[in-house]
Amino acid sequence: MTTPPTEYVVIRRRYKHAPHDAVMYDAIVNERQQWLVLSPGELAPEVADAHRPDLVVLRPWLDPRITAVEVRLENIGRGGGSWVNAFAYAIQEELPPEERRPIRHRLGEVFGAELRTWVDYM
């Protein structure tokens, strides 16, 4: 079993997607170079840890203050689809709102828009 990063969770986001968790896992782990558009100065994330079909830990990424992004995937049920739960970790216990806001926005761009476009239209 994979253990989560030991740093503090400073941002939590949740996104609903139509495909089930295995499709989302493959998109994040194996296909992210095809859909993830890096922002200027942003490092390409590497998979630091993964447990198919429900967990991916990406490092380094997003912002120098963020030590890891943990993505937990869960099926919604008989109706299909999955939840993509993203947790951004940092060494400090809390980020000030002016530092947290652009990171939350970037998580939304990645897991709410770019990933959705990829899995919905691939």
PDB file of N, CA and C in Angstrom:
ATOM      1  N   MET A   1       0.842  -1.190   0.000  1.00  0.00           N
ATOM      2  CA  MET A   1       0.000   0.000   0.000  1.00  0.00           C
ATOM      3  C   MET A   1       0.879   1.242   0.000  1.00  0.00           C
ATOM      4  N   THR A   2       0.490   2.212  -0.741  1.00  0.00           N
ATOM      5  CA  THR A   2       1.222   3.450  -0.848  1.00  0.00           C
ATOM      6  C   THR A   2       0.838   4.378   0.299  1.00  0.00           C
ATOM      7  N   THR A   3       1.831   5.067   0.858  1.00  0.00           N
ATOM      8  CA  THR A   3       1.534   6.011   1.922  1.00  0.00           C
ATOM      9  C   THR A   3       1.555   7.428   1.359  1.00  0.00           C
ATOM     10  N   PRO A   4       0.702   8.311   1.882  1.00  0.00           N
ATOM     11  CA  PRO A   4       0.670   9.684   1.378  1.00  0.00           C
ATOM     12  C   PRO A   4       1.929  10.440   1.786  1.00  0.00           C
ATOM     13  N   PRO A   5       2.205  11.543   1.125  1.00  0.00           N
ATOM     14  CA  PRO A   5       3.338  12.374   1.529  1.00  0.00           C
ATOM     15  C   PRO A   5       3.163  12.796   3.000  1.00  0.00           C
ATOM     16  N   THR A   6       4.283  13.058   3.670  1.00  0.00           N
ATOM     17  CA  THR A   6       4.224  13.375   5.097  1.00  0.00           C
ATOM     18  C   THR A   6       4.064  14.861   5.374  1.00  0.00           C
ATOM     19  N   GLU A   7       4.093  15.682   4.355  1.00  0.00           N
ATOM     20  CA  GLU A   7       3.926  17.113   4.534  1.00  0.00           C
ATOM     21  C   GLU A   7       2.464  17.449   4.819  1.00  0.00           C
ATOM     22  N   TYR A   8       2.165  18.714   4.947  1.00  0.00           N
ATOM     23  CA  TYR A   8       0.810  19.187   5.239  1.00  0.00           C
ATOM     24  C   TYR A   8      -0.002  19.351   3.955  1.00  0.00           C
ATOM     25  N   VAL A   9      -1.272  18.990   4.014  1.00  0.00           N
ATOM     26  CA  VAL A   9      -2.185  19.269   2.908  1.00  0.00           C
ATOM     27  C   VAL A   9      -2.574  20.739   3.014  1.00  0.00           C
ATOM     28  N   VAL A  10      -2.243  21.519   1.991  1.00  0.00           N
ATOM     29  CA  VAL A  10      -2.566  22.949   2.024  1.00  0.00           C
ATOM     30  C   VAL A  10      -3.695  23.313   1.064  1.00  0.00           C
ATOM     31  N   ILE A  11      -3.977  22.426   0.105  1.00  0.00           N
ATOM     32  CA  ILE A  11      -5.069  22.670  -0.847  1.00  0.00           C
ATOM     33  C   ILE A  11      -5.738  21.334  -1.156  1.00  0.00           C
ATOM     34  N   ARG A  12      -7.069  21.343  -1.164  1.00  0.00           N
ATOM     35  CA  ARG A  12      -7.865  20.174  -1.549  1.00  0.00           C
ATOM     36  C   ARG A  12      -8.822  20.615  -2.641  1.00  0.00           C
ATOM     37  N   ARG A  13      -8.910  19.809  -3.695  1.00  0.00           N
ATOM     38  CA  ARG A  13      -9.850  20.090  -4.781  1.00  0.00           C
ATOM     39  C   ARG A  13     -10.480  18.768  -5.207  1.00  0.00           C
ATOM     40  N   ARG A  14     -11.720  18.845  -5.708  1.00  0.00           N
ATOM     41  CA  ARG A  14     -12.430  17.639  -6.147  1.00  0.00           C
ATOM     42  C   ARG A  14     -13.097  17.925  -7.478  1.00  0.00           C
ATOM     43  N   TYR A  15     -12.924  16.993  -8.416  1.00  0.00           N
ATOM     44  CA  TYR A  15     -13.478  17.158  -9.767  1.00  0.00           C
ATOM     45  C   TYR A  15     -14.200  15.879 -10.162  1.00  0.00           C
ATOM     46  N   LYS A  16     -15.335  16.034 -10.824  1.00  0.00           N
ATOM     47  CA  LYS A  16     -16.113  14.895 -11.300  1.00  0.00           C
ATOM     48  C   LYS A  16     -15.854  14.719 -12.797  1.00  0.00           C
ATOM     49  N   HIS A  17     -15.577  13.472 -13.195  1.00  0.00           N
ATOM     50  CA  HIS A  17     -15.319  13.160 -14.596  1.00  0.00           C
ATOM     51  C   HIS A  17     -16.159  11.960 -15.032  1.00  0.00           C
ATOM     52  N   ALA A  18     -16.455  11.881 -16.313  1.00  0.00           N
ATOM     53  CA  ALA A  18     -17.289  10.802 -16.837  1.00  0.00           C
ATOM     54  C   ALA A  18     -16.599   9.437 -16.839  1.00  0.00           C
ATOM     55  N   PRO A  19     -15.317   9.322 -17.232  1.00  0.00           N
ATOM     56  CA  PRO A  19     -14.686   7.993 -17.261  1.00  0.00           C
ATOM     57  C   PRO A  19     -14.459   7.425 -15.851  1.00  0.00           C
ATOM     58  N   HIS A  20     -14.348   6.097 -15.788  1.00  0.00           N
ATOM     59  CA  HIS A  20     -14.080   5.451 -14.500  1.00  0.00           C
ATOM     60  C   HIS A  20     -12.617   5.626 -14.094  1.00  0.00           C
ATOM     61  N   ASP A  21     -12.296   5.214 -12.887  1.00  0.00           N
ATOM     62  CA  ASP A  21     -10.984   5.494 -12.305  1.00  0.00           C
ATOM     63  C   ASP A  21      -9.805   4.928 -13.098  1.00  0.00           C
ATOM     64  N   ALA A  22      -9.947   3.759 -13.718  1.00  0.00           N
ATOM     65  CA  ALA A  22      -8.829   3.172 -14.463  1.00  0.00           C
ATOM     66  C   ALA A  22      -8.448   4.032 -15.672  1.00  0.00           C
ATOM     67  N   VAL A  23      -9.435   4.616 -16.338  1.00  0.00           N
ATOM     68  CA  VAL A  23      -9.165   5.507 -17.476  1.00  0.00           C
ATOM     69  C   VAL A  23      -8.460   6.767 -16.982  1.00  0.00           C
ATOM     70  N   MET A  24      -8.924   7.307 -15.859  1.00  0.00           N
ATOM     71  CA  MET A  24      -8.305   8.505 -15.304  1.00  0.00           C
ATOM     72  C   MET A  24      -6.872   8.218 -14.864  1.00  0.00           C
ATOM     73  N   TYR A  25      -6.657   7.063 -14.264  1.00  0.00           N
ATOM     74  CA  TYR A  25      -5.321   6.667 -13.822  1.00  0.00           C
ATOM     75  C   TYR A  25      -4.369   6.624 -15.023  1.00  0.00           C
ATOM     76  N   ASP A  26      -4.785   5.951 -16.090  1.00  0.00           N
ATOM     77  CA  ASP A  26      -3.935   5.856 -17.287  1.00  0.00           C
ATOM     78  C   ASP A  26      -3.642   7.234 -17.866  1.00  0.00           C
ATOM     79  N   ALA A  27      -4.628   8.098 -17.889  1.00  0.00           N
ATOM     80  CA  ALA A  27      -4.420   9.447 -18.427  1.00  0.00           C
ATOM     81  C   ALA A  27      -3.387  10.211 -17.605  1.00  0.00           C
ATOM     82  N   ILE A  28      -3.455  10.100 -16.287  1.00  0.00           N
ATOM     83  CA  ILE A  28      -2.528  10.839 -15.426  1.00  0.00           C
ATOM     84  C   ILE A  28      -1.138  10.215 -15.435  1.00  0.00           C
ATOM     85  N   VAL A  29      -1.057   8.896 -15.359  1.00  0.00           N
ATOM     86  CA  VAL A  29       0.237   8.226 -15.249  1.00  0.00           C
ATOM     87  C   VAL A  29       0.929   8.079 -16.605  1.00  0.00           C
ATOM     88  N   ASN A  30       0.191   7.635 -17.618  1.00  0.00           N
ATOM     89  CA  ASN A  30       0.824   7.261 -18.888  1.00  0.00           C
ATOM     90  C   ASN A  30       0.666   8.267 -20.019  1.00  0.00           C
ATOM     91  N   GLU A  31      -0.306   9.170 -19.917  1.00  0.00           N
ATOM     92  CA  GLU A  31      -0.611  10.041 -21.065  1.00  0.00           C
ATOM     93  C   GLU A  31      -0.476  11.528 -20.758  1.00  0.00           C
ATOM     94  N   ARG A  32      -0.026  11.902 -19.572  1.00  0.00           N
ATOM     95  CA  ARG A  32      -0.043  13.321 -19.178  1.00  0.00           C
ATOM     96  C   ARG A  32       0.807  14.203 -20.084  1.00  0.00           C
ATOM     97  N   GLN A  33       1.857  13.661 -20.707  1.00  0.00           N
ATOM     98  CA  GLN A  33       2.674  14.467 -21.614  1.00  0.00           C
ATOM     99  C   GLN A  33       1.881  14.905 -22.839  1.00  0.00           C
ATOM    100  N   GLN A  34       0.799  14.207 -23.141  1.00  0.00           N
ATOM    101  CA  GLN A  34      -0.013  14.525 -24.320  1.00  0.00           C
ATOM    102  C   GLN A  34      -1.085  15.574 -24.032  1.00  0.00           C
ATOM    103  N   TRP A  35      -1.498  15.732 -22.794  1.00  0.00           N
ATOM    104  CA  TRP A  35      -2.577  16.679 -22.498  1.00  0.00           C
ATOM    105  C   TRP A  35      -2.188  17.799 -21.535  1.00  0.00           C
ATOM    106  N   LEU A  36      -1.157  17.595 -20.735  1.00  0.00           N
ATOM    107  CA  LEU A  36      -0.775  18.601 -19.751  1.00  0.00           C
ATOM    108  C   LEU A  36       0.028  19.716 -20.408  1.00  0.00           C
ATOM    109  N   VAL A  37      -0.514  20.924 -20.379  1.00  0.00           N
ATOM    110  CA  VAL A  37       0.163  22.096 -20.925  1.00  0.00           C
ATOM    111  C   VAL A  37       0.836  22.806 -19.760  1.00  0.00           C
ATOM    112  N   LEU A  38       2.178  22.814 -19.749  1.00  0.00           N
ATOM    113  CA  LEU A  38       2.912  23.439 -18.651  1.00  0.00           C
ATOM    114  C   LEU A  38       2.842  24.956 -18.744  1.00  0.00           C
ATOM    115  N   SER A  39       2.709  25.581 -17.600  1.00  0.00           N
ATOM    116  CA  SER A  39       2.768  27.041 -17.524  1.00  0.00           C
ATOM    117  C   SER A  39       4.223  27.469 -17.625  1.00  0.00           C
ATOM    118  N   PRO A  40       4.494  28.722 -18.032  1.00  0.00           N
ATOM    119  CA  PRO A  40       5.880  29.188 -18.104  1.00  0.00           C
ATOM    120  C   PRO A  40       6.595  29.001 -16.758  1.00  0.00           C
ATOM    121  N   GLY A  41       7.762  28.387 -16.808  1.00  0.00           N
ATOM    122  CA  GLY A  41       8.563  28.148 -15.615  1.00  0.00           C
ATOM    123  C   GLY A  41       8.156  26.937 -14.799  1.00  0.00           C
ATOM    124  N   GLU A  42       7.092  26.264 -15.199  1.00  0.00           N
ATOM    125  CA  GLU A  42       6.607  25.103 -14.457  1.00  0.00           C
ATOM    126  C   GLU A  42       7.390  23.855 -14.846  1.00  0.00           C
ATOM    127  N   LEU A  43       7.790  23.055 -13.869  1.00  0.00           N
ATOM    128  CA  LEU A  43       8.473  21.794 -14.124  1.00  0.00           C
ATOM    129  C   LEU A  43       7.461  20.726 -14.510  1.00  0.00           C
ATOM    130  N   ALA A  44       7.851  19.833 -15.397  1.00  0.00           N
ATOM    131  CA  ALA A  44       6.986  18.705 -15.738  1.00  0.00           C
ATOM    132  C   ALA A  44       6.950  17.749 -14.546  1.00  0.00           C
ATOM    133  N   PRO A  45       5.775  17.365 -14.092  1.00  0.00           N
ATOM    134  CA  PRO A  45       5.693  16.481 -12.928  1.00  0.00           C
ATOM    135  C   PRO A  45       6.111  15.053 -13.284  1.00  0.00           C
ATOM    136  N   GLU A  46       6.712  14.406 -12.327  1.00  0.00           N
ATOM    137  CA  GLU A  46       7.063  12.990 -12.451  1.00  0.00           C
ATOM    138  C   GLU A  46       6.194  12.194 -11.489  1.00  0.00           C
ATOM    139  N   VAL A  47       5.893  10.959 -11.851  1.00  0.00           N
ATOM    140  CA  VAL A  47       5.147  10.086 -10.961  1.00  0.00           C
ATOM    141  C   VAL A  47       6.122   9.589  -9.895  1.00  0.00           C
ATOM    142  N   ALA A  48       5.909  10.030  -8.661  1.00  0.00           N
ATOM    143  CA  ALA A  48       6.772   9.622  -7.557  1.00  0.00           C
ATOM    144  C   ALA A  48       6.269   8.331  -6.913  1.00  0.00           C
ATOM    145  N   ASP A  49       4.975   8.098  -7.029  1.00  0.00           N
ATOM    146  CA  ASP A  49       4.363   6.918  -6.434  1.00  0.00           C
ATOM    147  C   ASP A  49       3.027   6.697  -7.125  1.00  0.00           C
ATOM    148  N   ALA A  50       2.613   5.447  -7.221  1.00  0.00           N
ATOM    149  CA  ALA A  50       1.328   5.156  -7.849  1.00  0.00           C
ATOM    150  C   ALA A  50       0.822   3.794  -7.379  1.00  0.00           C
ATOM    151  N   HIS A  51      -0.481   3.691  -7.289  1.00  0.00           N
ATOM    152  CA  HIS A  51      -1.149   2.438  -6.941  1.00  0.00           C
ATOM    153  C   HIS A  51      -2.386   2.342  -7.808  1.00  0.00           C
ATOM    154  N   ARG A  52      -2.354   1.468  -8.781  1.00  0.00           N
ATOM    155  CA  ARG A  52      -3.455   1.339  -9.727  1.00  0.00           C
ATOM    156  C   ARG A  52      -4.665   0.746  -9.035  1.00  0.00           C
ATOM    157  N   PRO A  53      -5.849   1.237  -9.193  1.00  0.00           N
ATOM    158  CA  PRO A  53      -6.264   2.305 -10.096  1.00  0.00           C
ATOM    159  C   PRO A  53      -6.587   3.616  -9.383  1.00  0.00           C
ATOM    160  N   ASP A  54      -6.161   3.769  -8.113  1.00  0.00           N
ATOM    161  CA  ASP A  54      -6.760   4.871  -7.364  1.00  0.00           C
ATOM    162  C   ASP A  54      -5.814   5.906  -6.761  1.00  0.00           C
ATOM    163  N   LEU A  55      -4.502   5.826  -6.991  1.00  0.00           N
ATOM    164  CA  LEU A  55      -3.605   6.787  -6.357  1.00  0.00           C
ATOM    165  C   LEU A  55      -2.414   7.118  -7.248  1.00  0.00           C
ATOM    166  N   VAL A  56      -2.120   8.411  -7.352  1.00  0.00           N
ATOM    167  CA  VAL A  56      -0.931   8.887  -8.062  1.00  0.00           C
ATOM    168  C   VAL A  56      -0.357  10.043  -7.247  1.00  0.00           C
ATOM    169  N   VAL A  57       0.961  10.014  -7.030  1.00  0.00           N
ATOM    170  CA  VAL A  57       1.643  11.120  -6.372  1.00  0.00           C
ATOM    171  C   VAL A  57       2.629  11.709  -7.380  1.00  0.00           C
ATOM    172  N   LEU A  58       2.476  13.002  -7.643  1.00  0.00           N
ATOM    173  CA  LEU A  58       3.316  13.709  -8.608  1.00  0.00           C
ATOM    174  C   LEU A  58       4.261  14.641  -7.854  1.00  0.00           C
ATOM    175  N   ARG A  59       5.539  14.618  -8.237  1.00  0.00           N
ATOM    176  CA  ARG A  59       6.576  15.501  -7.660  1.00  0.00           C
ATOM    177  C   ARG A  59       7.564  15.829  -8.746  1.00  0.00           C
ATOM    178  N   PRO A  60       8.290  16.879  -8.665  1.00  0.00           N
ATOM    179  CA  PRO A  60       7.897  18.185  -8.155  1.00  0.00           C
ATOM    180  C   PRO A  60       6.929  18.787  -9.143  1.00  0.00           C
ATOM    181  N   TRP A  61       6.215  19.805  -8.701  1.00  0.00           N
ATOM    182  CA  TRP A  61       5.238  20.343  -9.634  1.00  0.00           C
ATOM    183  C   TRP A  61       4.575  21.585  -9.093  1.00  0.00           C
ATOM    184  N   LEU A  62       3.948  22.316  -9.944  1.00  0.00           N
ATOM    185  CA  LEU A  62       3.086  23.461  -9.706  1.00  0.00           C
ATOM    186  C   LEU A  62       3.797  24.707  -9.221  1.00  0.00           C
ATOM    187  N   ASP A  63       4.483  24.603  -8.107  1.00  0.00           N
ATOM    188  CA  ASP A  63       4.992  25.797  -7.448  1.00  0.00           C
ATOM    189  C   ASP A  63       6.098  25.341  -6.502  1.00  0.00           C
ATOM    190  N   PRO A  64       7.136  26.135  -6.296  1.00  0.00           N
ATOM    191  CA  PRO A  64       8.212  25.717  -5.394  1.00  0.00           C
ATOM    192  C   PRO A  64       7.741  25.413  -3.968  1.00  0.00           C
ATOM    193  N   ARG A  65       6.653  26.015  -3.538  1.00  0.00           N
ATOM    194  CA  ARG A  65       6.142  25.761  -2.184  1.00  0.00           C
ATOM    195  C   ARG A  65       5.424  24.417  -2.075  1.00  0.00           C
ATOM    196  N   ILE A  66       5.013  23.856  -3.205  1.00  0.00           N
ATOM    197  CA  ILE A  66       4.275  22.592  -3.205  1.00  0.00           C
ATOM    198  C   ILE A  66       5.262  21.445  -3.376  1.00  0.00           C
ATOM    199  N   THR A  67       5.290  20.539  -2.396  1.00  0.00           N
ATOM    200  CA  THR A  67       6.237  19.427  -2.425  1.00  0.00           C
ATOM    201  C   THR A  67       5.701  18.214  -3.186  1.00  0.00           C
ATOM    202  N   ALA A  68       4.384  18.082  -3.258  1.00  0.00           N
ATOM    203  CA  ALA A  68       3.779  16.951  -3.974  1.00  0.00           C
ATOM    204  C   ALA A  68       2.317  17.253  -4.240  1.00  0.00           C
ATOM    205  N   VAL A  69       1.794  16.607  -5.272  1.00  0.00           N
ATOM    206  CA  VAL A  69       0.355  16.621  -5.537  1.00  0.00           C
ATOM    207  C   VAL A  69      -0.088  15.164  -5.537  1.00  0.00           C
ATOM    208  N   GLU A  70      -0.959  14.836  -4.600  1.00  0.00           N
ATOM    209  CA  GLU A  70      -1.504  13.490  -4.501  1.00  0.00           C
ATOM    210  C   GLU A  70      -2.870  13.493  -5.174  1.00  0.00           C
ATOM    211  N   VAL A  71      -3.094  12.532  -6.053  1.00  0.00           N
ATOM    212  CA  VAL A  71      -4.369  12.410  -6.754  1.00  0.00           C
ATOM    213  C   VAL A  71      -4.990  11.082  -6.343  1.00  0.00           C
ATOM    214  N   ARG A  72      -6.146  11.171  -5.718  1.00  0.00           N
ATOM    215  CA  ARG A  72      -6.897   9.968  -5.334  1.00  0.00           C
ATOM    216  C   ARG A  72      -8.117   9.865  -6.243  1.00  0.00           C
ATOM    217  N   LEU A  73      -8.296   8.701  -6.824  1.00  0.00           N
ATOM    218  CA  LEU A  73      -9.381   8.457  -7.777  1.00  0.00           C
ATOM    219  C   LEU A  73     -10.394   7.512  -7.150  1.00  0.00           C
ATOM    220  N   GLU A  74     -11.669   7.801  -7.347  1.00  0.00           N
ATOM    221  CA  GLU A  74     -12.698   6.905  -6.833  1.00  0.00           C
ATOM    222  C   GLU A  74     -13.876   6.852  -7.799  1.00  0.00           C
ATOM    223  N   ASN A  75     -14.365   5.631  -8.027  1.00  0.00           N
ATOM    224  CA  ASN A  75     -15.541   5.467  -8.874  1.00  0.00           C
ATOM    225  C   ASN A  75     -16.756   6.032  -8.163  1.00  0.00           C
ATOM    226  N   ILE A  76     -17.673   6.586  -8.956  1.00  0.00           N
ATOM    227  CA  ILE A  76     -18.871   7.195  -8.393  1.00  0.00           C
ATOM    228  C   ILE A  76     -19.935   6.140  -8.102  1.00  0.00           C
ATOM    229  N   GLY A  77     -19.943   5.064  -8.842  1.00  0.00           N
ATOM    230  CA  GLY A  77     -20.938   4.022  -8.596  1.00  0.00           C
ATOM    231  C   GLY A  77     -21.543   3.539  -9.886  1.00  0.00           C
ATOM    232  N   ARG A  78     -22.752   3.018  -9.775  1.00  0.00           N
ATOM    233  CA  ARG A  78     -23.391   2.420 -10.951  1.00  0.00           C
ATOM    234  C   ARG A  78     -23.643   3.419 -12.055  1.00  0.00           C
ATOM    235  N   GLY A  79     -23.746   4.690 -11.721  1.00  0.00           N
ATOM    236  CA  GLY A  79     -23.985   5.712 -12.732  1.00  0.00           C
ATOM    237  C   GLY A  79     -22.764   5.996 -13.577  1.00  0.00           C
ATOM    238  N   GLY A  80     -21.623   5.448 -13.190  1.00  0.00           N
ATOM    239  CA  GLY A  80     -20.395   5.666 -13.936  1.00  0.00           C
ATOM    240  C   GLY A  80     -19.683   6.934 -13.505  1.00  0.00           C
ATOM    241  N   GLY A  81     -18.536   7.102 -14.038  1.00  0.00           N
ATOM    242  CA  GLY A  81     -17.753   8.278 -13.734  1.00  0.00           C
ATOM    243  C   GLY A  81     -16.866   8.085 -12.525  1.00  0.00           C
ATOM    244  N   SER A  82     -16.103   9.109 -12.233  1.00  0.00           N
ATOM    245  CA  SER A  82     -15.192   9.042 -11.094  1.00  0.00           C
ATOM    246  C   SER A  82     -14.954  10.424 -10.516  1.00  0.00           C
ATOM    247  N   TRP A  83     -14.513  10.427  -9.273  1.00  0.00           N
ATOM    248  CA  TRP A  83     -14.059  11.641  -8.614  1.00  0.00           C
ATOM    249  C   TRP A  83     -12.545  11.673  -8.704  1.00  0.00           C
ATOM    250  N   VAL A  84     -12.006  12.837  -9.026  1.00  0.00           N
ATOM    251  CA  VAL A  84     -10.570  13.073  -8.992  1.00  0.00           C
ATOM    252  C   VAL A  84     -10.351  14.035  -7.824  1.00  0.00           C
ATOM    253  N   ASN A  85      -9.727  13.527  -6.771  1.00  0.00           N
ATOM    254  CA  ASN A  85      -9.447  14.316  -5.582  1.00  0.00           C
ATOM    255  C   ASN A  85      -7.973  14.689  -5.590  1.00  0.00           C
ATOM    256  N   ALA A  86      -7.668  15.972  -5.639  1.00  0.00           N
ATOM    257  CA  ALA A  86      -6.282  16.440  -5.696  1.00  0.00           C
ATOM    258  C   ALA A  86      -5.929  17.114  -4.378  1.00  0.00           C
ATOM    259  N   PHE A  87      -4.785  16.721  -3.820  1.00  0.00           N
ATOM    260  CA  PHE A  87      -4.277  17.274  -2.571  1.00  0.00           C
ATOM    261  C   PHE A  87      -2.883  17.838  -2.832  1.00  0.00           C
ATOM    262  N   ALA A  88      -2.695  19.105  -2.570  1.00  0.00           N
ATOM    263  CA  ALA A  88      -1.378  19.726  -2.714  1.00  0.00           C
ATOM    264  C   ALA A  88      -0.724  19.794  -1.338  1.00  0.00           C
ATOM    265  N   TYR A  89       0.504  19.316  -1.245  1.00  0.00           N
ATOM    266  CA  TYR A  89       1.238  19.253   0.013  1.00  0.00           C
ATOM    267  C   TYR A  89       2.333  20.317   0.047  1.00  0.00           C
ATOM    268  N   ALA A  90       2.615  20.795   1.246  1.00  0.00           N
ATOM    269  CA  ALA A  90       3.706  21.756   1.450  1.00  0.00           C
ATOM    270  C   ALA A  90       4.375  21.453   2.782  1.00  0.00           C
ATOM    271  N   ILE A  91       5.571  21.959   2.962  1.00  0.00           N
ATOM    272  CA  ILE A  91       6.297  21.771   4.216  1.00  0.00           C
ATOM    273  C   ILE A  91       5.635  22.580   5.323  1.00  0.00           C
ATOM    274  N   GLN A  92       5.163  23.777   4.983  1.00  0.00           N
ATOM    275  CA  GLN A  92       4.493  24.597   5.990  1.00  0.00           C
ATOM    276  C   GLN A  92       3.045  24.165   6.139  1.00  0.00           C
ATOM    277  N   GLU A  93       2.484  24.424   7.310  1.00  0.00           N
ATOM    278  CA  GLU A  93       1.142  23.947   7.628  1.00  0.00           C
ATOM    279  C   GLU A  93       0.046  24.652   6.848  1.00  0.00           C
ATOM    280  N   GLU A  94       0.282  25.890   6.461  1.00  0.00           N
ATOM    281  CA  GLU A  94      -0.735  26.676   5.772  1.00  0.00           C
ATOM    282  C   GLU A  94      -0.065  27.667   4.828  1.00  0.00           C
ATOM    283  N   LEU A  95      -0.728  27.935   3.697  1.00  0.00           N
ATOM    284  CA  LEU A  95      -0.254  28.969   2.779  1.00  0.00           C
ATOM    285  C   LEU A  95      -1.171  30.178   2.900  1.00  0.00           C
ATOM    286  N   PRO A  96      -0.604  31.388   2.842  1.00  0.00           N
ATOM    287  CA  PRO A  96      -1.462  32.581   2.847  1.00  0.00           C
ATOM    288  C   PRO A  96      -2.362  32.578   1.612  1.00  0.00           C
ATOM    289  N   PRO A  97      -3.538  33.203   1.696  1.00  0.00           N
ATOM    290  CA  PRO A  97      -4.485  33.197   0.575  1.00  0.00           C
ATOM    291  C   PRO A  97      -3.883  33.665  -0.749  1.00  0.00           C
ATOM    292  N   GLU A  98      -3.035  34.676  -0.728  1.00  0.00           N
ATOM    293  CA  GLU A  98      -2.448  35.182  -1.976  1.00  0.00           C
ATOM    294  C   GLU A  98      -1.482  34.182  -2.617  1.00  0.00           C
ATOM    295  N   GLU A  99      -0.946  33.250  -1.847  1.00  0.00           N
ATOM    296  CA  GLU A  99      -0.084  32.193  -2.396  1.00  0.00           C
ATOM    297  C   GLU A  99      -0.912  30.970  -2.773  1.00  0.00           C
ATOM    298  N   ARG A 100      -1.961  30.702  -2.011  1.00  0.00           N
ATOM    299  CA  ARG A 100      -2.799  29.532  -2.251  1.00  0.00           C
ATOM    300  C   ARG A 100      -3.678  29.693  -3.491  1.00  0.00           C
ATOM    301  N   ARG A 101      -4.196  30.896  -3.710  1.00  0.00           N
ATOM    302  CA  ARG A 101      -5.157  31.158  -4.795  1.00  0.00           C
ATOM    303  C   ARG A 101      -4.645  30.740  -6.185  1.00  0.00           C
ATOM    304  N   PRO A 102      -3.432  31.160  -6.605  1.00  0.00           N
ATOM    305  CA  PRO A 102      -2.980  30.759  -7.946  1.00  0.00           C
ATOM    306  C   PRO A 102      -2.708  29.254  -8.070  1.00  0.00           C
ATOM    307  N   ILE A 103      -2.362  28.613  -6.970  1.00  0.00           N
ATOM    308  CA  ILE A 103      -2.131  27.165  -7.014  1.00  0.00           C
ATOM    309  C   ILE A 103      -3.461  26.435  -7.148  1.00  0.00           C
ATOM    310  N   ARG A 104      -4.470  26.880  -6.411  1.00  0.00           N
ATOM    311  CA  ARG A 104      -5.827  26.305  -6.554  1.00  0.00           C
ATOM    312  C   ARG A 104      -6.328  26.477  -7.991  1.00  0.00           C
ATOM    313  N   HIS A 105      -6.089  27.660  -8.531  1.00  0.00           N
ATOM    314  CA  HIS A 105      -6.503  27.931  -9.911  1.00  0.00           C
ATOM    315  C   HIS A 105      -5.801  26.975 -10.876  1.00  0.00           C
ATOM    316  N   ARG A 106      -4.511  26.779 -10.675  1.00  0.00           N
ATOM    317  CA  ARG A 106      -3.748  25.891 -11.566  1.00  0.00           C
ATOM    318  C   ARG A 106      -4.231  24.447 -11.451  1.00  0.00           C
ATOM    319  N   LEU A 107      -4.541  23.988 -10.248  1.00  0.00           N
ATOM    320  CA  LEU A 107      -5.106  22.644 -10.097  1.00  0.00           C
ATOM    321  C   LEU A 107      -6.402  22.519 -10.891  1.00  0.00           C
ATOM    322  N   GLY A 108      -7.230  23.572 -10.871  1.00  0.00           N
ATOM    323  CA  GLY A 108      -8.475  23.577 -11.642  1.00  0.00           C
ATOM    324  C   GLY A 108      -8.220  23.519 -13.135  1.00  0.00           C
ATOM    325  N   GLU A 109      -7.216  24.248 -13.593  1.00  0.00           N
ATOM    326  CA  GLU A 109      -6.866  24.192 -15.023  1.00  0.00           C
ATOM    327  C   GLU A 109      -6.445  22.784 -15.424  1.00  0.00           C
ATOM    328  N   VAL A 110      -5.626  22.162 -14.588  1.00  0.00           N
ATOM    329  CA  VAL A 110      -5.085  20.846 -14.925  1.00  0.00           C
ATOM    330  C   VAL A 110      -6.135  19.755 -14.806  1.00  0.00           C
ATOM    331  N   PHE A 111      -6.722  19.607 -13.605  1.00  0.00           N
ATOM    332  CA  PHE A 111      -7.613  18.472 -13.364  1.00  0.00           C
ATOM    333  C   PHE A 111      -9.070  18.759 -13.681  1.00  0.00           C
ATOM    334  N   GLY A 112      -9.439  20.016 -13.776  1.00  0.00           N
ATOM    335  CA  GLY A 112     -10.809  20.363 -14.107  1.00  0.00           C
ATOM    336  C   GLY A 112     -11.025  20.637 -15.583  1.00  0.00           C
ATOM    337  N   ALA A 113      -9.976  21.061 -16.298  1.00  0.00           N
ATOM    338  CA  ALA A 113     -10.139  21.440 -17.709  1.00  0.00           C
ATOM    339  C   ALA A 113      -9.279  20.589 -18.646  1.00  0.00           C
ATOM    340  N   GLU A 114      -7.959  20.637 -18.492  1.00  0.00           N
ATOM    341  CA  GLU A 114      -7.080  19.940 -19.430  1.00  0.00           C
ATOM    342  C   GLU A 114      -7.297  18.423 -19.411  1.00  0.00           C
ATOM    343  N   LEU A 115      -7.352  17.847 -18.222  1.00  0.00           N
ATOM    344  CA  LEU A 115      -7.589  16.407 -18.108  1.00  0.00           C
ATOM    345  C   LEU A 115      -8.970  16.048 -18.638  1.00  0.00           C
ATOM    346  N   ARG A 116      -9.975  16.866 -18.329  1.00  0.00           N
ATOM    347  CA  ARG A 116     -11.334  16.599 -18.808  1.00  0.00           C
ATOM    348  C   ARG A 116     -11.380  16.598 -20.341  1.00  0.00           C
ATOM    349  N   THR A 117     -10.749  17.579 -20.944  1.00  0.00           N
ATOM    350  CA  THR A 117     -10.718  17.648 -22.405  1.00  0.00           C
ATOM    351  C   THR A 117     -10.085  16.381 -22.982  1.00  0.00           C
ATOM    352  N   TRP A 118      -9.016  15.920 -22.379  1.00  0.00           N
ATOM    353  CA  TRP A 118      -8.320  14.722 -22.876  1.00  0.00           C
ATOM    354  C   TRP A 118      -9.191  13.474 -22.761  1.00  0.00           C
ATOM    355  N   VAL A 119      -9.744  13.205 -21.586  1.00  0.00           N
ATOM    356  CA  VAL A 119     -10.480  11.956 -21.403  1.00  0.00           C
ATOM    357  C   VAL A 119     -11.851  11.980 -22.068  1.00  0.00           C
ATOM    358  N   ASP A 120     -12.442  13.148 -22.220  1.00  0.00           N
ATOM    359  CA  ASP A 120     -13.760  13.225 -22.857  1.00  0.00           C
ATOM    360  C   ASP A 120     -13.689  13.117 -24.372  1.00  0.00           C
ATOM    361  N   TYR A 121     -12.568  13.520 -24.951  1.00  0.00           N
ATOM    362  CA  TYR A 121     -12.502  13.580 -26.411  1.00  0.00           C
ATOM    363  C   TYR A 121     -11.416  12.725 -27.032  1.00  0.00           C
ATOM    364  N   MET A 122     -10.818  11.832 -26.249  1.00  0.00           N
ATOM    365  CA  MET A 122      -9.768  10.997 -26.829  1.00  0.00           C
ATOM    366  C   MET A 122     -10.328   9.826 -27.589  1.00  0.00           C
TER     367      MET A 122
END
